[in-house]
């Protein structure tokens, strides 16, 4: 719910330039949010996730794409950014990889 609110909040138009353009904070935020989303979502289900990881990734990437479409069509001062979709996908993959590692270490014998 928090992600949905953050993604549809109108933001003031940012002036171009400044040092922030070199670190792309928007992309890091997208990647971090999607990493947490996929990690938590993977933790919530009792299914054989390593075999069905593509389902989690596909749904997360489609969600990221839909967020960008909603931002372009209905949110003031927001637009569609394919790099945000790529950041969402990268964060989703990172979240799943972290979950797989944590789950492997904590799995009972």
PDB file of N, CA and C in Angstrom:
ATOM      1  N   UNK A   1       0.814  -1.185   0.000  1.00  0.00           N
ATOM      2  CA  UNK A   1       0.000   0.000   0.000  1.00  0.00           C
ATOM      3  C   UNK A   1       0.865   1.260   0.000  1.00  0.00           C
ATOM      4  N   UNK A   2       1.920   1.237   0.804  1.00  0.00           N
ATOM      5  CA  UNK A   2       2.806   2.399   0.879  1.00  0.00           C
ATOM      6  C   UNK A   2       3.460   2.660  -0.476  1.00  0.00           C
ATOM      7  N   UNK A   3       3.868   1.599  -1.154  1.00  0.00           N
ATOM      8  CA  UNK A   3       4.475   1.767  -2.476  1.00  0.00           C
ATOM      9  C   UNK A   3       3.499   2.417  -3.444  1.00  0.00           C
ATOM     10  N   UNK A   4       2.263   1.964  -3.431  1.00  0.00           N
ATOM     11  CA  UNK A   4       1.265   2.537  -4.332  1.00  0.00           C
ATOM     12  C   UNK A   4       1.077   4.025  -4.067  1.00  0.00           C
ATOM     13  N   UNK A   5       1.023   4.398  -2.804  1.00  0.00           N
ATOM     14  CA  UNK A   5       0.864   5.816  -2.462  1.00  0.00           C
ATOM     15  C   UNK A   5       2.064   6.625  -2.939  1.00  0.00           C
ATOM     16  N   UNK A   6       3.272   6.111  -2.707  1.00  0.00           N
ATOM     17  CA  UNK A   6       4.470   6.824  -3.133  1.00  0.00           C
ATOM     18  C   UNK A   6       4.550   6.972  -4.646  1.00  0.00           C
ATOM     19  N   UNK A   7       4.144   5.937  -5.362  1.00  0.00           N
ATOM     20  CA  UNK A   7       4.247   5.970  -6.811  1.00  0.00           C
ATOM     21  C   UNK A   7       3.233   6.898  -7.475  1.00  0.00           C
ATOM     22  N   UNK A   8       2.109   7.173  -6.815  1.00  0.00           N
ATOM     23  CA  UNK A   8       1.101   8.043  -7.443  1.00  0.00           C
ATOM     24  C   UNK A   8       1.055   9.441  -6.828  1.00  0.00           C
ATOM     25  N   UNK A   9       1.976   9.733  -5.923  1.00  0.00           N
ATOM     26  CA  UNK A   9       2.038  11.089  -5.370  1.00  0.00           C
ATOM     27  C   UNK A   9       2.570  12.043  -6.422  1.00  0.00           C
ATOM     28  N   UNK A  10       1.886  13.154  -6.646  1.00  0.00           N
ATOM     29  CA  UNK A  10       2.465  14.142  -7.557  1.00  0.00           C
ATOM     30  C   UNK A  10       3.676  14.786  -6.895  1.00  0.00           C
ATOM     31  N   UNK A  11       4.699  15.012  -7.679  1.00  0.00           N
ATOM     32  CA  UNK A  11       5.905  15.652  -7.158  1.00  0.00           C
ATOM     33  C   UNK A  11       6.112  16.966  -7.895  1.00  0.00           C
ATOM     34  N   UNK A  12       6.698  17.925  -7.219  1.00  0.00           N
ATOM     35  CA  UNK A  12       6.981  19.180  -7.931  1.00  0.00           C
ATOM     36  C   UNK A  12       8.020  18.936  -9.020  1.00  0.00           C
ATOM     37  N   UNK A  13       7.925  19.705 -10.076  1.00  0.00           N
ATOM     38  CA  UNK A  13       8.916  19.587 -11.150  1.00  0.00           C
ATOM     39  C   UNK A  13      10.287  19.957 -10.599  1.00  0.00           C
ATOM     40  N   UNK A  14      11.235  19.084 -10.791  1.00  0.00           N
ATOM     41  CA  UNK A  14      12.569  19.303 -10.261  1.00  0.00           C
ATOM     42  C   UNK A  14      13.397  20.091 -11.270  1.00  0.00           C
ATOM     43  N   UNK A  15      14.166  21.035 -10.776  1.00  0.00           N
ATOM     44  CA  UNK A  15      15.012  21.781 -11.716  1.00  0.00           C
ATOM     45  C   UNK A  15      16.128  20.885 -12.250  1.00  0.00           C
ATOM     46  N   UNK A  16      16.514  21.053 -13.509  1.00  0.00           N
ATOM     47  CA  UNK A  16      17.591  20.230 -14.052  1.00  0.00           C
ATOM     48  C   UNK A  16      18.940  20.642 -13.464  1.00  0.00           C
ATOM     49  N   UNK A  17      19.849  19.694 -13.431  1.00  0.00           N
ATOM     50  CA  UNK A  17      21.198  19.996 -12.978  1.00  0.00           C
ATOM     51  C   UNK A  17      21.425  19.613 -11.532  1.00  0.00           C
ATOM     52  N   UNK A  18      22.571  20.009 -11.026  1.00  0.00           N
ATOM     53  CA  UNK A  18      22.924  19.668  -9.650  1.00  0.00           C
ATOM     54  C   UNK A  18      23.642  18.334  -9.594  1.00  0.00           C
ATOM     55  N   UNK A  19      24.230  18.048  -8.458  1.00  0.00           N
ATOM     56  CA  UNK A  19      25.010  16.825  -8.301  1.00  0.00           C
ATOM     57  C   UNK A  19      24.143  15.571  -8.229  1.00  0.00           C
ATOM     58  N   UNK A  20      22.855  15.740  -7.895  1.00  0.00           N
ATOM     59  CA  UNK A  20      21.976  14.576  -7.752  1.00  0.00           C
ATOM     60  C   UNK A  20      21.772  13.834  -9.074  1.00  0.00           C
ATOM     61  N   UNK A  21      21.946  14.513 -10.197  1.00  0.00           N
ATOM     62  CA  UNK A  21      21.718  13.827 -11.475  1.00  0.00           C
ATOM     63  C   UNK A  21      22.760  12.740 -11.713  1.00  0.00           C
ATOM     64  N   UNK A  22      23.877  12.787 -11.012  1.00  0.00           N
ATOM     65  CA  UNK A  22      24.942  11.815 -11.234  1.00  0.00           C
ATOM     66  C   UNK A  22      24.757  10.516 -10.462  1.00  0.00           C
ATOM     67  N   UNK A  23      23.919  10.529  -9.432  1.00  0.00           N
ATOM     68  CA  UNK A  23      23.723   9.304  -8.650  1.00  0.00           C
ATOM     69  C   UNK A  23      22.357   8.673  -8.875  1.00  0.00           C
ATOM     70  N   UNK A  24      21.488   9.308  -9.638  1.00  0.00           N
ATOM     71  CA  UNK A  24      20.169   8.771  -9.987  1.00  0.00           C
ATOM     72  C   UNK A  24      19.404   8.234  -8.771  1.00  0.00           C
ATOM     73  N   UNK A  25      19.090   9.072  -7.802  1.00  0.00           N
ATOM     74  CA  UNK A  25      18.418   8.577  -6.588  1.00  0.00           C
ATOM     75  C   UNK A  25      17.069   7.931  -6.880  1.00  0.00           C
ATOM     76  N   UNK A  26      16.363   8.424  -7.894  1.00  0.00           N
ATOM     77  CA  UNK A  26      15.064   7.855  -8.244  1.00  0.00           C
ATOM     78  C   UNK A  26      15.190   6.381  -8.617  1.00  0.00           C
ATOM     79  N   UNK A  27      16.215   6.042  -9.353  1.00  0.00           N
ATOM     80  CA  UNK A  27      16.405   4.643  -9.777  1.00  0.00           C
ATOM     81  C   UNK A  27      16.755   3.754  -8.594  1.00  0.00           C
ATOM     82  N   UNK A  28      17.576   4.266  -7.684  1.00  0.00           N
ATOM     83  CA  UNK A  28      17.937   3.493  -6.490  1.00  0.00           C
ATOM     84  C   UNK A  28      16.710   3.249  -5.607  1.00  0.00           C
ATOM     85  N   UNK A  29      15.846   4.254  -5.518  1.00  0.00           N
ATOM     86  CA  UNK A  29      14.623   4.104  -4.732  1.00  0.00           C
ATOM     87  C   UNK A  29      13.733   3.041  -5.356  1.00  0.00           C
ATOM     88  N   UNK A  30      13.550   3.103  -6.674  1.00  0.00           N
ATOM     89  CA  UNK A  30      12.749   2.083  -7.362  1.00  0.00           C
ATOM     90  C   UNK A  30      13.322   0.685  -7.115  1.00  0.00           C
ATOM     91  N   UNK A  31      14.614   0.530  -7.305  1.00  0.00           N
ATOM     92  CA  UNK A  31      15.246  -0.782  -7.122  1.00  0.00           C
ATOM     93  C   UNK A  31      15.087  -1.272  -5.687  1.00  0.00           C
ATOM     94  N   UNK A  32      15.294  -0.387  -4.728  1.00  0.00           N
ATOM     95  CA  UNK A  32      15.164  -0.778  -3.323  1.00  0.00           C
ATOM     96  C   UNK A  32      13.749  -1.186  -2.951  1.00  0.00           C
ATOM     97  N   UNK A  33      12.775  -0.415  -3.408  1.00  0.00           N
ATOM     98  CA  UNK A  33      11.386  -0.746  -3.096  1.00  0.00           C
ATOM     99  C   UNK A  33      10.987  -2.096  -3.696  1.00  0.00           C
ATOM    100  N   UNK A  34      11.408  -2.343  -4.930  1.00  0.00           N
ATOM    101  CA  UNK A  34      11.046  -3.610  -5.559  1.00  0.00           C
ATOM    102  C   UNK A  34      11.824  -4.781  -4.970  1.00  0.00           C
ATOM    103  N   UNK A  35      13.050  -4.551  -4.518  1.00  0.00           N
ATOM    104  CA  UNK A  35      13.793  -5.611  -3.846  1.00  0.00           C
ATOM    105  C   UNK A  35      13.075  -6.026  -2.563  1.00  0.00           C
ATOM    106  N   UNK A  36      12.645  -5.042  -1.792  1.00  0.00           N
ATOM    107  CA  UNK A  36      11.912  -5.334  -0.553  1.00  0.00           C
ATOM    108  C   UNK A  36      10.580  -6.012  -0.866  1.00  0.00           C
ATOM    109  N   UNK A  37       9.872  -5.515  -1.876  1.00  0.00           N
ATOM    110  CA  UNK A  37       8.582  -6.101  -2.263  1.00  0.00           C
ATOM    111  C   UNK A  37       8.737  -7.575  -2.611  1.00  0.00           C
ATOM    112  N   UNK A  38       9.685  -7.900  -3.476  1.00  0.00           N
ATOM    113  CA  UNK A  38       9.863  -9.287  -3.912  1.00  0.00           C
ATOM    114  C   UNK A  38      10.363 -10.155  -2.764  1.00  0.00           C
ATOM    115  N   UNK A  39      11.260  -9.627  -1.942  1.00  0.00           N
ATOM    116  CA  UNK A  39      11.740 -10.398  -0.793  1.00  0.00           C
ATOM    117  C   UNK A  39      10.584 -10.747   0.141  1.00  0.00           C
ATOM    118  N   UNK A  40       9.771  -9.741   0.490  1.00  0.00           N
ATOM    119  CA  UNK A  40       8.654  -9.992   1.406  1.00  0.00           C
ATOM    120  C   UNK A  40       7.595 -10.885   0.785  1.00  0.00           C
ATOM    121  N   UNK A  41       7.335 -10.666  -0.493  1.00  0.00           N
ATOM    122  CA  UNK A  41       6.332 -11.486  -1.170  1.00  0.00           C
ATOM    123  C   UNK A  41       6.795 -12.937  -1.236  1.00  0.00           C
ATOM    124  N   UNK A  42       8.070 -13.135  -1.536  1.00  0.00           N
ATOM    125  CA  UNK A  42       8.610 -14.494  -1.590  1.00  0.00           C
ATOM    126  C   UNK A  42       8.560 -15.157  -0.222  1.00  0.00           C
ATOM    127  N   UNK A  43       8.740 -14.384   0.830  1.00  0.00           N
ATOM    128  CA  UNK A  43       8.695 -14.925   2.188  1.00  0.00           C
ATOM    129  C   UNK A  43       7.284 -15.290   2.627  1.00  0.00           C
ATOM    130  N   UNK A  44       6.289 -14.661   2.013  1.00  0.00           N
ATOM    131  CA  UNK A  44       4.907 -14.842   2.455  1.00  0.00           C
ATOM    132  C   UNK A  44       4.268 -16.119   1.944  1.00  0.00           C
ATOM    133  N   UNK A  45       4.793 -16.707   0.886  1.00  0.00           N
ATOM    134  CA  UNK A  45       4.136 -17.846   0.266  1.00  0.00           C
ATOM    135  C   UNK A  45       4.833 -19.152   0.593  1.00  0.00           C
ATOM    136  N   UNK A  46       4.049 -20.195   0.731  1.00  0.00           N
ATOM    137  CA  UNK A  46       4.560 -21.525   1.035  1.00  0.00           C
ATOM    138  C   UNK A  46       4.580 -22.385  -0.226  1.00  0.00           C
ATOM    139  N   UNK A  47       5.179 -21.893  -1.276  1.00  0.00           N
ATOM    140  CA  UNK A  47       5.256 -22.666  -2.503  1.00  0.00           C
ATOM    141  C   UNK A  47       6.710 -22.910  -2.853  1.00  0.00           C
ATOM    142  N   UNK A  48       6.920 -23.734  -3.802  1.00  0.00           N
ATOM    143  CA  UNK A  48       8.280 -24.075  -4.205  1.00  0.00           C
ATOM    144  C   UNK A  48       8.832 -22.947  -5.058  1.00  0.00           C
ATOM    145  N   UNK A  49       9.322 -21.897  -4.386  1.00  0.00           N
ATOM    146  CA  UNK A  49       9.705 -20.685  -5.094  1.00  0.00           C
ATOM    147  C   UNK A  49      10.880 -20.851  -6.042  1.00  0.00           C
ATOM    148  N   UNK A  50      11.910 -21.590  -5.709  1.00  0.00           N
ATOM    149  CA  UNK A  50      12.990 -21.664  -6.697  1.00  0.00           C
ATOM    150  C   UNK A  50      12.509 -22.140  -8.067  1.00  0.00           C
ATOM    151  N   UNK A  51      11.540 -23.029  -8.090  1.00  0.00           N
ATOM    152  CA  UNK A  51      10.998 -23.498  -9.373  1.00  0.00           C
ATOM    153  C   UNK A  51      10.038 -22.485  -9.984  1.00  0.00           C
ATOM    154  N   UNK A  52       9.406 -21.670  -9.162  1.00  0.00           N
ATOM    155  CA  UNK A  52       8.409 -20.707  -9.634  1.00  0.00           C
ATOM    156  C   UNK A  52       8.886 -19.264  -9.519  1.00  0.00           C
ATOM    157  N   UNK A  53      10.181 -19.057  -9.471  1.00  0.00           N
ATOM    158  CA  UNK A  53      10.721 -17.702  -9.316  1.00  0.00           C
ATOM    159  C   UNK A  53      10.319 -16.804 -10.479  1.00  0.00           C
ATOM    160  N   UNK A  54      10.184 -17.375 -11.656  1.00  0.00           N
ATOM    161  CA  UNK A  54       9.806 -16.564 -12.817  1.00  0.00           C
ATOM    162  C   UNK A  54       8.430 -15.955 -12.647  1.00  0.00           C
ATOM    163  N   UNK A  55       7.538 -16.602 -11.892  1.00  0.00           N
ATOM    164  CA  UNK A  55       6.200 -16.060 -11.654  1.00  0.00           C
ATOM    165  C   UNK A  55       6.307 -14.778 -10.822  1.00  0.00           C
ATOM    166  N   UNK A  56       7.090 -14.833  -9.762  1.00  0.00           N
ATOM    167  CA  UNK A  56       7.284 -13.666  -8.896  1.00  0.00           C
ATOM    168  C   UNK A  56       7.912 -12.531  -9.688  1.00  0.00           C
ATOM    169  N   UNK A  57       8.950 -12.834 -10.452  1.00  0.00           N
ATOM    170  CA  UNK A  57       9.626 -11.799 -11.234  1.00  0.00           C
ATOM    171  C   UNK A  57       8.706 -11.204 -12.300  1.00  0.00           C
ATOM    172  N   UNK A  58       7.958 -12.046 -12.980  1.00  0.00           N
ATOM    173  CA  UNK A  58       7.053 -11.559 -14.029  1.00  0.00           C
ATOM    174  C   UNK A  58       5.996 -10.625 -13.456  1.00  0.00           C
ATOM    175  N   UNK A  59       5.387 -10.997 -12.358  1.00  0.00           N
ATOM    176  CA  UNK A  59       4.352 -10.166 -11.751  1.00  0.00           C
ATOM    177  C   UNK A  59       4.948  -8.851 -11.251  1.00  0.00           C
ATOM    178  N   UNK A  60       6.130  -8.907 -10.645  1.00  0.00           N
ATOM    179  CA  UNK A  60       6.779  -7.678 -10.150  1.00  0.00           C
ATOM    180  C   UNK A  60       7.116  -6.741 -11.313  1.00  0.00           C
ATOM    181  N   UNK A  61       7.614  -7.282 -12.402  1.00  0.00           N
ATOM    182  CA  UNK A  61       7.976  -6.448 -13.552  1.00  0.00           C
ATOM    183  C   UNK A  61       6.729  -5.860 -14.207  1.00  0.00           C
ATOM    184  N   UNK A  62       5.675  -6.642 -14.306  1.00  0.00           N
ATOM    185  CA  UNK A  62       4.407  -6.121 -14.854  1.00  0.00           C
ATOM    186  C   UNK A  62       3.864  -5.024 -13.952  1.00  0.00           C
ATOM    187  N   UNK A  63       3.952  -5.214 -12.643  1.00  0.00           N
ATOM    188  CA  UNK A  63       3.522  -4.183 -11.706  1.00  0.00           C
ATOM    189  C   UNK A  63       4.317  -2.895 -11.912  1.00  0.00           C
ATOM    190  N   UNK A  64       5.634  -3.015 -12.063  1.00  0.00           N
ATOM    191  CA  UNK A  64       6.470  -1.840 -12.305  1.00  0.00           C
ATOM    192  C   UNK A  64       6.099  -1.137 -13.598  1.00  0.00           C
ATOM    193  N   UNK A  65       5.804  -1.891 -14.630  1.00  0.00           N
ATOM    194  CA  UNK A  65       5.380  -1.319 -15.907  1.00  0.00           C
ATOM    195  C   UNK A  65       4.042  -0.600 -15.764  1.00  0.00           C
ATOM    196  N   UNK A  66       3.112  -1.207 -15.058  1.00  0.00           N
ATOM    197  CA  UNK A  66       1.802  -0.581 -14.832  1.00  0.00           C
ATOM    198  C   UNK A  66       1.929   0.706 -14.014  1.00  0.00           C
ATOM    199  N   UNK A  67       2.834   0.714 -13.046  1.00  0.00           N
ATOM    200  CA  UNK A  67       3.064   1.928 -12.252  1.00  0.00           C
ATOM    201  C   UNK A  67       3.502   3.068 -13.163  1.00  0.00           C
ATOM    202  N   UNK A  68       4.405   2.782 -14.079  1.00  0.00           N
ATOM    203  CA  UNK A  68       4.889   3.819 -14.991  1.00  0.00           C
ATOM    204  C   UNK A  68       3.784   4.311 -15.928  1.00  0.00           C
ATOM    205  N   UNK A  69       2.941   3.415 -16.370  1.00  0.00           N
ATOM    206  CA  UNK A  69       1.822   3.819 -17.231  1.00  0.00           C
ATOM    207  C   UNK A  69       0.858   4.706 -16.467  1.00  0.00           C
ATOM    208  N   UNK A  70       0.545   4.340 -15.224  1.00  0.00           N
ATOM    209  CA  UNK A  70      -0.341   5.154 -14.389  1.00  0.00           C
ATOM    210  C   UNK A  70       0.280   6.531 -14.153  1.00  0.00           C
ATOM    211  N   UNK A  71       1.567   6.567 -13.884  1.00  0.00           N
ATOM    212  CA  UNK A  71       2.226   7.855 -13.665  1.00  0.00           C
ATOM    213  C   UNK A  71       2.132   8.742 -14.906  1.00  0.00           C
ATOM    214  N   UNK A  72       2.319   8.165 -16.069  1.00  0.00           N
ATOM    215  CA  UNK A  72       2.267   8.956 -17.303  1.00  0.00           C
ATOM    216  C   UNK A  72       0.860   9.495 -17.567  1.00  0.00           C
ATOM    217  N   UNK A  73      -0.143   8.658 -17.352  1.00  0.00           N
ATOM    218  CA  UNK A  73      -1.508   9.028 -17.733  1.00  0.00           C
ATOM    219  C   UNK A  73      -2.229   9.878 -16.703  1.00  0.00           C
ATOM    220  N   UNK A  74      -1.982   9.663 -15.409  1.00  0.00           N
ATOM    221  CA  UNK A  74      -2.839  10.283 -14.405  1.00  0.00           C
ATOM    222  C   UNK A  74      -2.152  11.068 -13.298  1.00  0.00           C
ATOM    223  N   UNK A  75      -0.843  11.053 -13.206  1.00  0.00           N
ATOM    224  CA  UNK A  75      -0.176  11.727 -12.095  1.00  0.00           C
ATOM    225  C   UNK A  75       0.553  12.971 -12.618  1.00  0.00           C
ATOM    226  N   UNK A  76       0.216  14.150 -12.080  1.00  0.00           N
ATOM    227  CA  UNK A  76       0.878  15.381 -12.530  1.00  0.00           C
ATOM    228  C   UNK A  76       2.390  15.361 -12.269  1.00  0.00           C
ATOM    229  N   UNK A  77       3.144  15.905 -13.182  1.00  0.00           N
ATOM    230  CA  UNK A  77       4.604  16.019 -13.105  1.00  0.00           C
ATOM    231  C   UNK A  77       5.316  14.671 -13.044  1.00  0.00           C
ATOM    232  N   UNK A  78       4.650  13.606 -13.427  1.00  0.00           N
ATOM    233  CA  UNK A  78       5.282  12.285 -13.503  1.00  0.00           C
ATOM    234  C   UNK A  78       5.157  11.820 -14.947  1.00  0.00           C
ATOM    235  N   UNK A  79       6.088  10.991 -15.388  1.00  0.00           N
ATOM    236  CA  UNK A  79       6.031  10.484 -16.742  1.00  0.00           C
ATOM    237  C   UNK A  79       6.507   9.042 -16.796  1.00  0.00           C
ATOM    238  N   UNK A  80       6.369   8.439 -17.960  1.00  0.00           N
ATOM    239  CA  UNK A  80       6.827   7.070 -18.174  1.00  0.00           C
ATOM    240  C   UNK A  80       8.337   7.098 -18.366  1.00  0.00           C
ATOM    241  N   UNK A  81       9.035   6.256 -17.616  1.00  0.00           N
ATOM    242  CA  UNK A  81      10.488   6.180 -17.726  1.00  0.00           C
ATOM    243  C   UNK A  81      10.889   4.709 -17.794  1.00  0.00           C
ATOM    244  N   UNK A  82      11.373   4.312 -18.954  1.00  0.00           N
ATOM    245  CA  UNK A  82      11.767   2.916 -19.129  1.00  0.00           C
ATOM    246  C   UNK A  82      12.911   2.534 -18.183  1.00  0.00           C
ATOM    247  N   UNK A  83      13.736   3.511 -17.822  1.00  0.00           N
ATOM    248  CA  UNK A  83      14.821   3.219 -16.873  1.00  0.00           C
ATOM    249  C   UNK A  83      14.270   2.906 -15.477  1.00  0.00           C
ATOM    250  N   UNK A  84      13.123   3.468 -15.128  1.00  0.00           N
ATOM    251  CA  UNK A  84      12.474   3.094 -13.870  1.00  0.00           C
ATOM    252  C   UNK A  84      12.017   1.636 -13.932  1.00  0.00           C
ATOM    253  N   UNK A  85      11.480   1.225 -15.074  1.00  0.00           N
ATOM    254  CA  UNK A  85      11.059  -0.171 -15.238  1.00  0.00           C
ATOM    255  C   UNK A  85      12.268  -1.091 -15.116  1.00  0.00           C
ATOM    256  N   UNK A  86      13.383  -0.708 -15.719  1.00  0.00           N
ATOM    257  CA  UNK A  86      14.607  -1.514 -15.603  1.00  0.00           C
ATOM    258  C   UNK A  86      15.118  -1.550 -14.164  1.00  0.00           C
ATOM    259  N   UNK A  87      15.021  -0.427 -13.457  1.00  0.00           N
ATOM    260  CA  UNK A  87      15.415  -0.403 -12.044  1.00  0.00           C
ATOM    261  C   UNK A  87      14.492  -1.297 -11.219  1.00  0.00           C
ATOM    262  N   UNK A  88      13.199  -1.288 -11.536  1.00  0.00           N
ATOM    263  CA  UNK A  88      12.249  -2.170 -10.858  1.00  0.00           C
ATOM    264  C   UNK A  88      12.619  -3.636 -11.088  1.00  0.00           C
ATOM    265  N   UNK A  89      12.952  -3.966 -12.326  1.00  0.00           N
ATOM    266  CA  UNK A  89      13.328  -5.346 -12.659  1.00  0.00           C
ATOM    267  C   UNK A  89      14.619  -5.740 -11.942  1.00  0.00           C
ATOM    268  N   UNK A  90      15.605  -4.847 -11.932  1.00  0.00           N
ATOM    269  CA  UNK A  90      16.868  -5.138 -11.248  1.00  0.00           C
ATOM    270  C   UNK A  90      16.648  -5.323  -9.746  1.00  0.00           C
ATOM    271  N   UNK A  91      15.825  -4.474  -9.156  1.00  0.00           N
ATOM    272  CA  UNK A  91      15.513  -4.615  -7.735  1.00  0.00           C
ATOM    273  C   UNK A  91      14.761  -5.901  -7.448  1.00  0.00           C
ATOM    274  N   UNK A  92      13.859  -6.272  -8.342  1.00  0.00           N
ATOM    275  CA  UNK A  92      13.110  -7.526  -8.176  1.00  0.00           C
ATOM    276  C   UNK A  92      14.043  -8.724  -8.201  1.00  0.00           C
ATOM    277  N   UNK A  93      14.975  -8.720  -9.142  1.00  0.00           N
ATOM    278  CA  UNK A  93      15.945  -9.818  -9.226  1.00  0.00           C
ATOM    279  C   UNK A  93      16.819  -9.846  -7.975  1.00  0.00           C
ATOM    280  N   UNK A  94      17.271  -8.693  -7.519  1.00  0.00           N
ATOM    281  CA  UNK A  94      18.099  -8.630  -6.313  1.00  0.00           C
ATOM    282  C   UNK A  94      17.329  -9.139  -5.097  1.00  0.00           C
ATOM    283  N   UNK A  95      16.077  -8.722  -4.959  1.00  0.00           N
ATOM    284  CA  UNK A  95      15.266  -9.184  -3.830  1.00  0.00           C
ATOM    285  C   UNK A  95      15.064 -10.685  -3.844  1.00  0.00           C
ATOM    286  N   UNK A  96      14.853 -11.244  -5.033  1.00  0.00           N
ATOM    287  CA  UNK A  96      14.674 -12.691  -5.142  1.00  0.00           C
ATOM    288  C   UNK A  96      15.971 -13.429  -4.831  1.00  0.00           C
ATOM    289  N   UNK A  97      17.100 -12.907  -5.314  1.00  0.00           N
ATOM    290  CA  UNK A  97      18.383 -13.554  -5.030  1.00  0.00           C
ATOM    291  C   UNK A  97      18.699 -13.524  -3.537  1.00  0.00           C
ATOM    292  N   UNK A  98      18.419 -12.419  -2.882  1.00  0.00           N
ATOM    293  CA  UNK A  98      18.636 -12.342  -1.433  1.00  0.00           C
ATOM    294  C   UNK A  98      17.716 -13.327  -0.721  1.00  0.00           C
ATOM    295  N   UNK A  99      16.462 -13.400  -1.140  1.00  0.00           N
ATOM    296  CA  UNK A  99      15.536 -14.340  -0.508  1.00  0.00           C
ATOM    297  C   UNK A  99      16.005 -15.777  -0.695  1.00  0.00           C
ATOM    298  N   UNK A 100      16.454 -16.116  -1.895  1.00  0.00           N
ATOM    299  CA  UNK A 100      16.927 -17.480  -2.147  1.00  0.00           C
ATOM    300  C   UNK A 100      18.115 -17.815  -1.245  1.00  0.00           C
ATOM    301  N   UNK A 101      18.998 -16.857  -1.063  1.00  0.00           N
ATOM    302  CA  UNK A 101      20.162 -17.095  -0.196  1.00  0.00           C
ATOM    303  C   UNK A 101      19.752 -17.234   1.268  1.00  0.00           C
ATOM    304  N   UNK A 102      18.889 -16.356   1.729  1.00  0.00           N
ATOM    305  CA  UNK A 102      18.420 -16.415   3.124  1.00  0.00           C
ATOM    306  C   UNK A 102      17.625 -17.697   3.351  1.00  0.00           C
ATOM    307  N   UNK A 103      16.756 -18.035   2.422  1.00  0.00           N
ATOM    308  CA  UNK A 103      15.933 -19.234   2.558  1.00  0.00           C
ATOM    309  C   UNK A 103      16.789 -20.496   2.552  1.00  0.00           C
ATOM    310  N   UNK A 104      17.836 -20.522   1.749  1.00  0.00           N
ATOM    311  CA  UNK A 104      18.722 -21.674   1.682  1.00  0.00           C
ATOM    312  C   UNK A 104      19.451 -21.881   3.006  1.00  0.00           C
ATOM    313  N   UNK A 105      19.898 -20.769   3.632  1.00  0.00           N
ATOM    314  CA  UNK A 105      20.617 -20.869   4.897  1.00  0.00           C
ATOM    315  C   UNK A 105      19.702 -21.247   6.064  1.00  0.00           C
ATOM    316  N   UNK A 106      18.443 -20.810   6.011  1.00  0.00           N
ATOM    317  CA  UNK A 106      17.526 -21.026   7.136  1.00  0.00           C
ATOM    318  C   UNK A 106      16.609 -22.209   6.943  1.00  0.00           C
ATOM    319  N   UNK A 107      16.774 -22.972   5.875  1.00  0.00           N
ATOM    320  CA  UNK A 107      15.898 -24.102   5.602  1.00  0.00           C
ATOM    321  C   UNK A 107      16.261 -25.261   6.537  1.00  0.00           C
ATOM    322  N   UNK A 108      15.263 -25.860   7.168  1.00  0.00           N
ATOM    323  CA  UNK A 108      15.564 -27.005   8.023  1.00  0.00           C
ATOM    324  C   UNK A 108      15.988 -28.206   7.178  1.00  0.00           C
ATOM    325  N   UNK A 109      16.784 -29.072   7.779  1.00  0.00           N
ATOM    326  CA  UNK A 109      17.258 -30.270   7.056  1.00  0.00           C
ATOM    327  C   UNK A 109      16.194 -31.266   6.825  1.00  0.00           C
TER     328      UNK A 109
END
